[in-house]
Amino acid sequence: MASTQVNLYEAKTQLSSLVERVAKGEEFVIAKAGKPMAKLVALAPESNLARKPGQNLLGITYIAEDFDAPLPEDVLQDFGL
């Protein structure tokens, strides 16, 4: 997709209309003194997948019995404890 280049002053004065155009699929490169500095693009749509508490994305929930057990001495030493 080709991007239209606009200068910084134009981007500042027409930001609202540029954002509307971006939402419709256009892309803009914002330049300062003719040098491209930033790109104005639409955000990717957010996922509508609702997460259930206590599950990962695959729906798998597993916590080992010793999850909160004290760490072995050699591991504590590796952390300088």
Protein backbone atom coordinates (compact mmCIF):
# COMPACT_ATOMS: atom_id res chain seq x y z
CA MET A 1 0.00 0.00 0.00
CA ALA A 2 1.42 3.38 -1.01
CA SER A 3 1.73 6.04 1.66
CA THR A 4 1.08 9.72 1.09
CA GLN A 5 3.72 12.04 2.53
CA VAL A 6 2.58 15.13 4.43
CA ASN A 7 4.73 17.74 6.13
CA LEU A 8 4.65 18.16 9.89
CA TYR A 9 2.79 21.47 9.82
CA GLU A 10 0.08 20.04 7.58
CA ALA A 11 -0.21 16.98 9.83
CA LYS A 12 -0.61 19.19 12.91
CA THR A 13 -3.26 21.40 11.34
CA GLN A 14 -5.21 18.55 9.71
CA LEU A 15 -4.69 15.76 12.25
CA SER A 16 -8.39 15.09 12.76
CA SER A 17 -9.10 14.63 9.06
CA LEU A 18 -5.93 12.57 8.60
CA VAL A 19 -7.02 10.23 11.39
CA GLU A 20 -10.44 9.82 9.74
CA ARG A 21 -8.77 8.95 6.44
CA VAL A 22 -6.41 6.51 8.16
CA ALA A 23 -9.39 4.78 9.76
CA LYS A 24 -10.71 4.22 6.23
CA GLY A 25 -7.47 2.52 5.14
CA GLU A 26 -5.08 5.25 4.01
CA GLU A 27 -1.53 5.58 5.35
CA PHE A 28 0.50 8.76 5.75
CA VAL A 29 4.19 9.41 6.22
CA ILE A 30 4.86 12.56 8.24
CA ALA A 31 7.98 14.42 7.14
CA LYS A 32 9.98 17.24 8.71
CA ALA A 33 11.96 19.35 6.24
CA GLY A 34 11.25 16.70 3.60
CA LYS A 35 12.74 13.88 5.72
CA PRO A 36 10.27 11.10 6.65
CA MET A 37 9.97 10.94 10.45
CA ALA A 38 6.82 8.95 11.32
CA LYS A 39 4.06 6.88 9.81
CA LEU A 40 0.36 7.29 10.60
CA VAL A 41 -1.46 3.97 10.20
CA ALA A 42 -4.66 2.42 11.56
CA LEU A 43 -4.50 0.16 14.59
CA ALA A 44 -5.12 -3.55 14.12
CA PRO A 45 -8.59 -4.55 15.33
CA GLU A 46 -8.67 -5.91 18.87
CA SER A 47 -9.37 -9.57 19.40
CA ASN A 48 -12.88 -10.31 20.63
CA LEU A 49 -11.81 -13.54 22.30
CA ALA A 50 -12.80 -13.30 25.94
CA ARG A 51 -10.33 -14.96 28.31
CA LYS A 52 -11.61 -17.02 31.17
CA PRO A 53 -9.81 -16.35 34.44
CA GLY A 54 -7.32 -19.04 35.36
CA GLN A 55 -6.82 -20.39 31.84
CA ASN A 56 -4.28 -19.81 29.15
CA LEU A 57 -5.28 -19.23 25.52
CA LEU A 58 -5.63 -22.97 24.90
CA GLY A 59 -7.95 -23.40 27.89
CA ILE A 60 -5.41 -25.51 29.76
CA THR A 61 -5.06 -24.97 33.48
CA TYR A 62 -2.40 -26.79 35.47
CA ILE A 63 -0.56 -25.81 38.62
CA ALA A 64 1.90 -28.28 40.10
CA GLU A 65 1.31 -29.39 43.68
CA ASP A 66 4.70 -27.98 44.72
CA PHE A 67 4.22 -24.65 42.92
CA ASP A 68 4.76 -22.58 46.07
CA ALA A 69 7.23 -24.93 47.76
CA PRO A 70 10.56 -23.48 48.87
CA LEU A 71 13.30 -23.59 46.24
CA PRO A 72 16.17 -26.08 46.59
CA GLU A 73 19.37 -24.75 48.17
CA ASP A 74 21.39 -24.92 44.93
CA VAL A 75 18.80 -22.78 43.11
CA LEU A 76 18.77 -20.24 45.97
CA GLN A 77 22.57 -20.05 45.77
CA ASP A 78 22.37 -19.35 42.02
CA PHE A 79 20.29 -16.30 42.88
CA GLY A 80 22.72 -15.27 45.60
CA LEU A 81 20.27 -15.99 48.42
